[in-house]
PDB file of N, CA and C in Angstrom:
ATOM      1  N   MET A   1      20.196  18.895   3.397  1.00  0.00           N
ATOM      2  CA  MET A   1      19.762  17.955   2.701  1.00  0.00           C
ATOM      3  C   MET A   1      18.772  16.473   3.315  1.00  0.00           C
ATOM      4  N   ALA A   2      17.691  16.033   2.128  1.00  0.00           N
ATOM      5  CA  ALA A   2      17.239  15.336   3.315  1.00  0.00           C
ATOM      6  C   ALA A   2      17.395  13.942   2.469  1.00  0.00           C
ATOM      7  N   PRO A   3      16.959  13.093   3.705  1.00  0.00           N
ATOM      8  CA  PRO A   3      16.837  11.747   3.641  1.00  0.00           C
ATOM      9  C   PRO A   3      17.095  10.637   2.834  1.00  0.00           C
ATOM     10  N   ARG A   4      17.684   9.687   1.862  1.00  0.00           N
ATOM     11  CA  ARG A   4      17.220   9.349   0.981  1.00  0.00           C
ATOM     12  C   ARG A   4      16.305   7.774   1.820  1.00  0.00           C
ATOM     13  N   GLU A   5      15.618   7.366   0.239  1.00  0.00           N
ATOM     14  CA  GLU A   5      14.426   6.497   1.267  1.00  0.00           C
ATOM     15  C   GLU A   5      15.313   4.902   0.630  1.00  0.00           C
ATOM     16  N   SER A   6      14.954   4.061   1.160  1.00  0.00           N
ATOM     17  CA  SER A   6      15.017   2.758   1.246  1.00  0.00           C
ATOM     18  C   SER A   6      14.321   2.007  -0.543  1.00  0.00           C
ATOM     19  N   GLU A   7      15.656   1.154  -0.849  1.00  0.00           N
ATOM     20  CA  GLU A   7      14.245   0.672  -1.672  1.00  0.00           C
ATOM     21  C   GLU A   7      13.028   0.079  -1.652  1.00  0.00           C
ATOM     22  N   PRO A   8      13.298  -0.516   0.321  1.00  0.00           N
ATOM     23  CA  PRO A   8      11.590  -0.525  -0.193  1.00  0.00           C
ATOM     24  C   PRO A   8      10.762   0.586  -0.846  1.00  0.00           C
ATOM     25  N   GLN A   9      10.836   1.326   0.618  1.00  0.00           N
ATOM     26  CA  GLN A   9      10.048   2.360   0.819  1.00  0.00           C
ATOM     27  C   GLN A   9       9.810   3.263  -1.262  1.00  0.00           C
ATOM     28  N   LYS A  10      11.042   1.992  -1.759  1.00  0.00           N
ATOM     29  CA  LYS A  10      11.168   2.942  -3.324  1.00  0.00           C
ATOM     30  C   LYS A  10      10.211   2.457  -3.996  1.00  0.00           C
ATOM     31  N   GLU A  11       9.916   0.704  -3.451  1.00  0.00           N
ATOM     32  CA  GLU A  11       8.723  -0.061  -4.093  1.00  0.00           C
ATOM     33  C   GLU A  11       7.647   0.173  -3.965  1.00  0.00           C
ATOM     34  N   THR A  12       7.380   1.072  -2.908  1.00  0.00           N
ATOM     35  CA  THR A  12       6.251   1.066  -2.305  1.00  0.00           C
ATOM     36  C   THR A  12       5.205   2.139  -3.158  1.00  0.00           C
ATOM     37  N   VAL A  13       6.492   3.321  -2.910  1.00  0.00           N
ATOM     38  CA  VAL A  13       5.783   4.141  -4.115  1.00  0.00           C
ATOM     39  C   VAL A  13       5.591   3.944  -5.064  1.00  0.00           C
ATOM     40  N   GLU A  14       6.423   3.380  -5.710  1.00  0.00           N
ATOM     41  CA  GLU A  14       6.646   3.086  -7.321  1.00  0.00           C
ATOM     42  C   GLU A  14       4.925   1.723  -8.005  1.00  0.00           C
ATOM     43  N   ARG A  15       4.556   0.919  -6.389  1.00  0.00           N
ATOM     44  CA  ARG A  15       3.747   0.225  -6.431  1.00  0.00           C
ATOM     45  C   ARG A  15       2.138   0.622  -6.642  1.00  0.00           C
ATOM     46  N   VAL A  16       2.440   2.014  -5.382  1.00  0.00           N
ATOM     47  CA  VAL A  16       1.049   2.865  -5.385  1.00  0.00           C
ATOM     48  C   VAL A  16       1.048   3.801  -6.508  1.00  0.00           C
ATOM     49  N   MET A  17       2.060   4.183  -6.904  1.00  0.00           N
ATOM     50  CA  MET A  17       1.615   4.769  -8.607  1.00  0.00           C
ATOM     51  C   MET A  17       1.903   4.302  -9.584  1.00  0.00           C
ATOM     52  N   HIS A  18       1.749   3.471  -9.811  1.00  0.00           N
ATOM     53  CA  HIS A  18       1.522   2.734 -11.202  1.00  0.00           C
ATOM     54  C   HIS A  18      -0.168   2.100 -11.194  1.00  0.00           C
ATOM     55  N   GLU A  19      -0.747   1.927  -9.249  1.00  0.00           N
ATOM     56  CA  GLU A  19      -2.333   1.537  -9.158  1.00  0.00           C
ATOM     57  C   GLU A  19      -2.690   3.084  -9.920  1.00  0.00           C
ATOM     58  N   PHE A  20      -2.386   3.599  -9.193  1.00  0.00           N
ATOM     59  CA  PHE A  20      -2.780   5.352  -9.392  1.00  0.00           C
ATOM     60  C   PHE A  20      -3.120   5.578 -10.950  1.00  0.00           C
ATOM     61  N   LYS A  21      -1.657   5.387 -11.881  1.00  0.00           N
ATOM     62  CA  LYS A  21      -1.936   5.177 -13.065  1.00  0.00           C
ATOM     63  C   LYS A  21      -2.925   4.269 -14.167  1.00  0.00           C
ATOM     64  N   HIS A  22      -3.166   3.539 -13.756  1.00  0.00           N
ATOM     65  CA  HIS A  22      -3.729   2.223 -14.440  1.00  0.00           C
ATOM     66  C   HIS A  22      -5.539   2.388 -13.652  1.00  0.00           C
ATOM     67  N   GLY A  23      -5.643   3.558 -12.426  1.00  0.00           N
ATOM     68  CA  GLY A  23      -6.921   3.585 -11.783  1.00  0.00           C
ATOM     69  C   GLY A  23      -7.331   2.328 -10.447  1.00  0.00           C
ATOM     70  N   GLU A  24      -6.317   2.044 -10.939  1.00  0.00           N
ATOM     71  CA  GLU A  24      -7.080   0.916  -9.174  1.00  0.00           C
ATOM     72  C   GLU A  24      -7.185   1.656  -7.907  1.00  0.00           C
ATOM     73  N   LEU A  25      -5.857   2.808  -7.464  1.00  0.00           N
ATOM     74  CA  LEU A  25      -5.983   3.226  -6.762  1.00  0.00           C
ATOM     75  C   LEU A  25      -6.737   3.148  -5.330  1.00  0.00           C
ATOM     76  N   ARG A  26      -7.274   2.845  -4.756  1.00  0.00           N
ATOM     77  CA  ARG A  26      -8.336   3.700  -3.775  1.00  0.00           C
ATOM     78  C   ARG A  26      -8.675   4.804  -2.563  1.00  0.00           C
ATOM     79  N   SER A  27      -9.514   5.633  -2.352  1.00  0.00           N
ATOM     80  CA  SER A  27      -9.366   5.753  -0.968  1.00  0.00           C
ATOM     81  C   SER A  27      -9.283   5.104   0.150  1.00  0.00           C
ATOM     82  N   GLY A  28      -8.550   5.409   0.813  1.00  0.00           N
ATOM     83  CA  GLY A  28      -9.280   4.785   2.759  1.00  0.00           C
ATOM     84  C   GLY A  28     -10.243   5.046   3.023  1.00  0.00           C
ATOM     85  N   THR A  29     -10.742   6.037   3.682  1.00  0.00           N
ATOM     86  CA  THR A  29     -11.630   5.007   4.196  1.00  0.00           C
ATOM     87  C   THR A  29     -13.358   5.388   3.375  1.00  0.00           C
ATOM     88  N   SER A  30     -13.291   6.060   2.278  1.00  0.00           N
ATOM     89  CA  SER A  30     -14.465   6.076   1.447  1.00  0.00           C
ATOM     90  C   SER A  30     -14.331   4.754   0.575  1.00  0.00           C
ATOM     91  N   GLY A  31     -13.522   4.285  -0.393  1.00  0.00           N
ATOM     92  CA  GLY A  31     -13.201   3.541  -1.047  1.00  0.00           C
ATOM     93  C   GLY A  31     -13.638   3.868  -2.499  1.00  0.00           C
ATOM     94  N   GLN A  32     -13.477   5.579  -2.388  1.00  0.00           N
ATOM     95  CA  GLN A  32     -13.763   5.971  -4.282  1.00  0.00           C
ATOM     96  C   GLN A  32     -12.497   5.831  -4.894  1.00  0.00           C
ATOM     97  N   LYS A  33     -12.481   6.071  -5.896  1.00  0.00           N
ATOM     98  CA  LYS A  33     -10.930   5.775  -6.643  1.00  0.00           C
ATOM     99  C   LYS A  33     -10.567   7.418  -6.703  1.00  0.00           C
ATOM    100  N   VAL A  34      -8.996   7.074  -6.377  1.00  0.00           N
ATOM    101  CA  VAL A  34      -8.139   8.284  -6.671  1.00  0.00           C
ATOM    102  C   VAL A  34      -7.725   8.957  -7.792  1.00  0.00           C
ATOM    103  N   LYS A  35      -8.657  10.232  -8.068  1.00  0.00           N
ATOM    104  CA  LYS A  35      -7.993  10.874  -9.357  1.00  0.00           C
ATOM    105  C   LYS A  35      -6.838  11.976  -9.227  1.00  0.00           C
ATOM    106  N   ASN A  36      -6.920  12.130  -8.386  1.00  0.00           N
ATOM    107  CA  ASN A  36      -5.583  13.390  -7.471  1.00  0.00           C
ATOM    108  C   ASN A  36      -3.902  13.374  -7.755  1.00  0.00           C
ATOM    109  N   ARG A  37      -3.589  13.069  -9.078  1.00  0.00           N
ATOM    110  CA  ARG A  37      -2.194  13.022  -9.005  1.00  0.00           C
ATOM    111  C   ARG A  37      -1.661  13.136  -7.007  1.00  0.00           C
ATOM    112  N   LYS A  38      -2.216  14.804  -6.989  1.00  0.00           N
ATOM    113  CA  LYS A  38      -1.394  15.056  -5.722  1.00  0.00           C
ATOM    114  C   LYS A  38      -1.142  14.048  -4.777  1.00  0.00           C
ATOM    115  N   GLN A  39      -3.043  13.742  -4.782  1.00  0.00           N
ATOM    116  CA  GLN A  39      -3.541  12.457  -3.777  1.00  0.00           C
ATOM    117  C   GLN A  39      -2.849  11.404  -3.529  1.00  0.00           C
ATOM    118  N   ALA A  40      -2.778  11.365  -4.132  1.00  0.00           N
ATOM    119  CA  ALA A  40      -2.255   9.273  -5.264  1.00  0.00           C
ATOM    120  C   ALA A  40      -0.098  10.268  -4.528  1.00  0.00           C
ATOM    121  N   ILE A  41       0.546  10.724  -4.229  1.00  0.00           N
ATOM    122  CA  ILE A  41       1.926  10.788  -4.421  1.00  0.00           C
ATOM    123  C   ILE A  41       1.502  11.279  -2.779  1.00  0.00           C
ATOM    124  N   ALA A  42       0.812  11.913  -2.068  1.00  0.00           N
ATOM    125  CA  ALA A  42       0.405  11.925  -0.633  1.00  0.00           C
ATOM    126  C   ALA A  42       0.559  10.300  -0.271  1.00  0.00           C
ATOM    127  N   ILE A  43      -0.196   9.862  -0.614  1.00  0.00           N
ATOM    128  CA  ILE A  43      -0.682   8.036  -0.593  1.00  0.00           C
ATOM    129  C   ILE A  43       0.512   7.204  -0.453  1.00  0.00           C
ATOM    130  N   ALA A  44       1.211   7.458  -1.515  1.00  0.00           N
ATOM    131  CA  ALA A  44       2.595   6.816  -2.075  1.00  0.00           C
ATOM    132  C   ALA A  44       3.359   7.191  -0.229  1.00  0.00           C
ATOM    133  N   LEU A  45       3.703   7.533   0.176  1.00  0.00           N
ATOM    134  CA  LEU A  45       4.326   8.588   1.003  1.00  0.00           C
ATOM    135  C   LEU A  45       3.466   7.801   1.808  1.00  0.00           C
ATOM    136  N   SER A  46       2.830   8.377   1.773  1.00  0.00           N
ATOM    137  CA  SER A  46       2.571   7.949   3.445  1.00  0.00           C
ATOM    138  C   SER A  46       2.872   6.047   3.895  1.00  0.00           C
ATOM    139  N   GLU A  47       2.334   5.415   3.127  1.00  0.00           N
ATOM    140  CA  GLU A  47       2.864   4.047   2.534  1.00  0.00           C
ATOM    141  C   GLU A  47       3.372   3.334   2.823  1.00  0.00           C
ATOM    142  N   ALA A  48       4.219   4.641   2.153  1.00  0.00           N
ATOM    143  CA  ALA A  48       6.335   3.547   2.454  1.00  0.00           C
ATOM    144  C   ALA A  48       6.464   4.575   3.724  1.00  0.00           C
ATOM    145  N   GLY A  49       6.399   5.097   4.227  1.00  0.00           N
ATOM    146  CA  GLY A  49       6.451   5.539   5.281  1.00  0.00           C
ATOM    147  C   GLY A  49       7.405   7.139   5.196  1.00  0.00           C
ATOM    148  N   GLU A  50       7.753   8.042   4.660  1.00  0.00           N
ATOM    149  CA  GLU A  50       8.538   8.502   3.912  1.00  0.00           C
ATOM    150  C   GLU A  50       7.750  10.108   4.426  1.00  0.00           C
ATOM    151  N   SER A  51       6.663  10.000   4.755  1.00  0.00           N
ATOM    152  CA  SER A  51       5.338  11.644   4.856  1.00  0.00           C
ATOM    153  C   SER A  51       6.336  12.108   6.170  1.00  0.00           C
ATOM    154  N   ASN A  52       6.439  13.716   5.668  1.00  0.00           N
ATOM    155  CA  ASN A  52       6.495  14.334   6.147  1.00  0.00           C
ATOM    156  C   ASN A  52       6.074  15.275   7.573  1.00  0.00           C
ATOM    157  N   GLN A  53       4.041  14.826   7.679  1.00  0.00           N
ATOM    158  CA  GLN A  53       3.417  15.451   8.282  1.00  0.00           C
ATOM    159  C   GLN A  53       2.749  14.556   9.183  1.00  0.00           C
ATOM    160  N   GLN A  54       4.047  12.782   9.415  1.00  0.00           N
ATOM    161  CA  GLN A  54       3.976  12.097  10.134  1.00  0.00           C
ATOM    162  C   GLN A  54       4.665  11.525  11.703  1.00  0.00           C
ATOM    163  N   THR A  55       5.031  11.279  12.901  1.00  0.00           N
ATOM    164  CA  THR A  55       6.350  11.078  12.960  1.00  0.00           C
ATOM    165  C   THR A  55       7.053  10.049  12.655  1.00  0.00           C
ATOM    166  N   PRO A  56       8.782  10.000  13.048  1.00  0.00           N
ATOM    167  CA  PRO A  56       8.803   8.387  12.065  1.00  0.00           C
ATOM    168  C   PRO A  56       8.146   7.104  12.704  1.00  0.00           C
ATOM    169  N   LYS A  57       7.893   6.867  14.011  1.00  0.00           N
ATOM    170  CA  LYS A  57       7.198   5.842  14.771  1.00  0.00           C
ATOM    171  C   LYS A  57       6.376   6.004  14.262  1.00  0.00           C
ATOM    172  N   GLU A  58       5.139   7.230  13.887  1.00  0.00           N
ATOM    173  CA  GLU A  58       3.853   6.761  12.496  1.00  0.00           C
ATOM    174  C   GLU A  58       4.655   5.796  11.477  1.00  0.00           C
ATOM    175  N   ASN A  59       5.573   6.631  10.312  1.00  0.00           N
ATOM    176  CA  ASN A  59       6.045   6.085   9.594  1.00  0.00           C
ATOM    177  C   ASN A  59       6.760   4.772   9.669  1.00  0.00           C
ATOM    178  N   GLU A  60       7.536   4.195  10.881  1.00  0.00           N
ATOM    179  CA  GLU A  60       7.926   2.946  10.797  1.00  0.00           C
ATOM    180  C   GLU A  60       6.538   2.468  10.035  1.00  0.00           C
ATOM    181  N   GLU A  61       5.496   2.129  11.381  1.00  0.00           N
ATOM    182  CA  GLU A  61       4.690   1.713  11.210  1.00  0.00           C
ATOM    183  C   GLU A  61       3.703   1.432   9.531  1.00  0.00           C
ATOM    184  N   HIS A  62       3.376   2.245   9.636  1.00  0.00           N
ATOM    185  CA  HIS A  62       2.924   2.581   8.250  1.00  0.00           C
ATOM    186  C   HIS A  62       3.870   1.722   6.746  1.00  0.00           C
ATOM    187  N   LEU A  63       5.367   1.551   6.981  1.00  0.00           N
ATOM    188  CA  LEU A  63       6.167   0.395   6.102  1.00  0.00           C
ATOM    189  C   LEU A  63       5.694  -0.520   6.755  1.00  0.00           C
ATOM    190  N   ARG A  64       6.367  -1.045   7.992  1.00  0.00           N
ATOM    191  CA  ARG A  64       5.634  -2.204   7.944  1.00  0.00           C
ATOM    192  C   ARG A  64       4.371  -2.582   7.937  1.00  0.00           C
ATOM    193  N   HIS A  65       2.906  -1.685   8.106  1.00  0.00           N
ATOM    194  CA  HIS A  65       1.546  -2.955   7.723  1.00  0.00           C
ATOM    195  C   HIS A  65       1.907  -2.453   6.252  1.00  0.00           C
ATOM    196  N   THR A  66       2.322  -1.677   5.293  1.00  0.00           N
ATOM    197  CA  THR A  66       2.357  -2.217   3.844  1.00  0.00           C
ATOM    198  C   THR A  66       2.625  -3.419   3.187  1.00  0.00           C
ATOM    199  N   LYS A  67       4.384  -3.364   4.025  1.00  0.00           N
ATOM    200  CA  LYS A  67       4.884  -4.368   3.610  1.00  0.00           C
ATOM    201  C   LYS A  67       4.211  -5.735   4.152  1.00  0.00           C
ATOM    202  N   ALA A  68       3.619  -5.950   5.466  1.00  0.00           N
ATOM    203  CA  ALA A  68       3.024  -7.204   5.228  1.00  0.00           C
ATOM    204  C   ALA A  68       2.341  -6.789   4.452  1.00  0.00           C
ATOM    205  N   LYS A  69       1.068  -5.865   4.150  1.00  0.00           N
ATOM    206  CA  LYS A  69       0.337  -5.945   3.166  1.00  0.00           C
ATOM    207  C   LYS A  69       0.029  -6.879   2.347  1.00  0.00           C
ATOM    208  N   GLU A  70       1.327  -5.878   1.671  1.00  0.00           N
ATOM    209  CA  GLU A  70       2.074  -6.405   0.117  1.00  0.00           C
ATOM    210  C   GLU A  70       3.142  -8.325   0.126  1.00  0.00           C
ATOM    211  N   ARG A  71       2.998  -8.877   0.723  1.00  0.00           N
ATOM    212  CA  ARG A  71       3.426 -10.389   1.096  1.00  0.00           C
ATOM    213  C   ARG A  71       2.232 -11.218   1.315  1.00  0.00           C
ATOM    214  N   ARG A  72       1.026 -10.055   2.082  1.00  0.00           N
ATOM    215  CA  ARG A  72       0.213 -11.469   1.644  1.00  0.00           C
ATOM    216  C   ARG A  72      -0.752 -11.452   0.731  1.00  0.00           C
ATOM    217  N   GLY A  73      -0.753 -10.255  -0.511  1.00  0.00           N
ATOM    218  CA  GLY A  73      -0.826 -10.510  -1.828  1.00  0.00           C
ATOM    219  C   GLY A  73      -1.875  -8.983  -1.458  1.00  0.00           C
ATOM    220  N   GLU A  74      -2.481  -8.586  -1.030  1.00  0.00           N
ATOM    221  CA  GLU A  74      -4.143  -8.001  -0.595  1.00  0.00           C
ATOM    222  C   GLU A  74      -4.485  -6.333  -0.748  1.00  0.00           C
ATOM    223  N   THR A  75      -2.897  -6.037  -1.657  1.00  0.00           N
ATOM    224  CA  THR A  75      -2.457  -4.950  -3.102  1.00  0.00           C
ATOM    225  C   THR A  75      -4.126  -4.668  -4.653  1.00  0.00           C
ATOM    226  N   ALA A  76      -4.154  -3.676  -4.639  1.00  0.00           N
ATOM    227  CA  ALA A  76      -5.406  -3.207  -5.757  1.00  0.00           C
ATOM    228  C   ALA A  76      -4.432  -3.884  -6.711  1.00  0.00           C
ATOM    229  N   ARG A  77      -2.910  -3.877  -7.333  1.00  0.00           N
ATOM    230  CA  ARG A  77      -2.411  -4.365  -8.173  1.00  0.00           C
ATOM    231  C   ARG A  77      -2.233  -6.032  -8.447  1.00  0.00           C
ATOM    232  N   ASP A  78      -2.504  -6.636  -6.985  1.00  0.00           N
ATOM    233  CA  ASP A  78      -2.854  -7.916  -6.927  1.00  0.00           C
ATOM    234  C   ASP A  78      -3.590  -8.354  -7.340  1.00  0.00           C
ATOM    235  N   GLU A  79      -4.843  -7.575  -6.714  1.00  0.00           N
ATOM    236  CA  GLU A  79      -6.238  -8.423  -7.263  1.00  0.00           C
ATOM    237  C   GLU A  79      -6.619  -8.044  -8.641  1.00  0.00           C
ATOM    238  N   ALA A  80      -5.963  -7.009  -9.539  1.00  0.00           N
ATOM    239  CA  ALA A  80      -6.352  -6.579 -10.839  1.00  0.00           C
ATOM    240  C   ALA A  80      -5.207  -7.194 -11.341  1.00  0.00           C
ATOM    241  N   GLU A  81      -4.772  -8.594 -11.393  1.00  0.00           N
ATOM    242  CA  GLU A  81      -3.255  -9.474 -12.069  1.00  0.00           C
ATOM    243  C   GLU A  81      -3.819 -10.715 -11.633  1.00  0.00           C
ATOM    244  N   GLY A  82      -4.962 -10.756 -11.444  1.00  0.00           N
ATOM    245  CA  GLY A  82      -6.108 -11.927 -10.298  1.00  0.00           C
ATOM    246  C   GLY A  82      -4.816 -12.928  -9.657  1.00  0.00           C
ATOM    247  N   LYS A  83      -4.428 -12.624  -8.801  1.00  0.00           N
ATOM    248  CA  LYS A  83      -3.432 -13.218  -8.013  1.00  0.00           C
ATOM    249  C   LYS A  83      -4.527 -13.209  -6.263  1.00  0.00           C
ATOM    250  N   ALA A  84      -4.793 -13.922  -5.946  1.00  0.00           N
ATOM    251  CA  ALA A  84      -6.258 -13.628  -4.756  1.00  0.00           C
ATOM    252  C   ALA A  84      -5.163 -14.242  -3.865  1.00  0.00           C
ATOM    253  N   PRO A  85      -5.266 -13.098  -2.511  1.00  0.00           N
ATOM    254  CA  PRO A  85      -4.891 -12.881  -1.754  1.00  0.00           C
ATOM    255  C   PRO A  85      -4.464 -14.396  -0.679  1.00  0.00           C
ATOM    256  N   ARG A  86      -3.942 -15.066  -0.208  1.00  0.00           N
ATOM    257  CA  ARG A  86      -3.137 -16.468   0.553  1.00  0.00           C
ATOM    258  C   ARG A  86      -4.565 -16.269   1.233  1.00  0.00           C
ATOM    259  N   ARG A  87      -5.865 -17.422   1.632  1.00  0.00           N
ATOM    260  CA  ARG A  87      -6.613 -17.195   2.352  1.00  0.00           C
ATOM    261  C   ARG A  87      -6.740 -18.218   4.003  1.00  0.00           C
ATOM    262  N   PRO A  88      -5.628 -18.528   4.849  1.00  0.00           N
ATOM    263  CA  PRO A  88      -6.032 -19.155   6.071  1.00  0.00           C
ATOM    264  C   PRO A  88      -6.311 -20.247   6.113  1.00  0.00           C
ATOM    265  N   ARG A  89      -5.885 -21.571   6.235  1.00  0.00           N
ATOM    266  CA  ARG A  89      -6.875 -23.011   5.939  1.00  0.00           C
ATOM    267  C   ARG A  89      -7.745 -23.246   6.828  1.00  0.00           C
ATOM    268  N   THR A  90      -9.103 -23.525   7.679  1.00  0.00           N
ATOM    269  CA  THR A  90      -9.689 -23.744   8.391  1.00  0.00           C
ATOM    270  C   THR A  90      -9.365 -25.601   8.163  1.00  0.00           C
ATOM    271  N   THR A  91      -9.860 -25.965   9.999  1.00  0.00           N
ATOM    272  CA  THR A  91      -9.247 -27.503  10.105  1.00  0.00           C
ATOM    273  C   THR A  91     -11.370 -28.595   9.315  1.00  0.00           C
ATOM    274  N   GLY A  92     -11.407 -27.428   8.944  1.00  0.00           N
ATOM    275  CA  GLY A  92     -12.868 -29.016   8.298  1.00  0.00           C
ATOM    276  C   GLY A  92     -14.198 -29.163   9.120  1.00  0.00           C
ATOM    277  N   ARG A  93     -13.734 -28.370  10.981  1.00  0.00           N
ATOM    278  CA  ARG A  93     -14.688 -28.783  11.398  1.00  0.00           C
ATOM    279  C   ARG A  93     -16.063 -27.822  11.366  1.00  0.00           C
ATOM    280  N   GLY A  94     -17.036 -28.671  11.813  1.00  0.00           N
ATOM    281  CA  GLY A  94     -18.348 -28.650  11.156  1.00  0.00           C
ATOM    282  C   GLY A  94     -18.890 -27.618  12.891  1.00  0.00           C
ATOM    283  N   LEU A  95     -19.342 -26.022  12.715  1.00  0.00           N
ATOM    284  CA  LEU A  95     -19.936 -26.189  14.200  1.00  0.00           C
ATOM    285  C   LEU A  95     -20.648 -25.515  14.142  1.00  0.00           C
TER     286      LEU A  95
END
């Protein structure tokens, strides 16, 4: 029996598939829009740390990285909704 996915993993898969449905999901290195549903599912599972193609350690790292990206507002969904990512404040000193 396969292990059940956690709530944060479900949320990540849901977000990625939402981006795919709205044409906002992009491939990692090339930056091209993802048009293949199977590729979108593979990306969702990888980001959620559920992939059976990666080690448990890699899966944990991917989920941790994805959740940090979501907290910073750097997802395609946030960009499409007009939520700009938070930028660190500069000190205002001229260099």
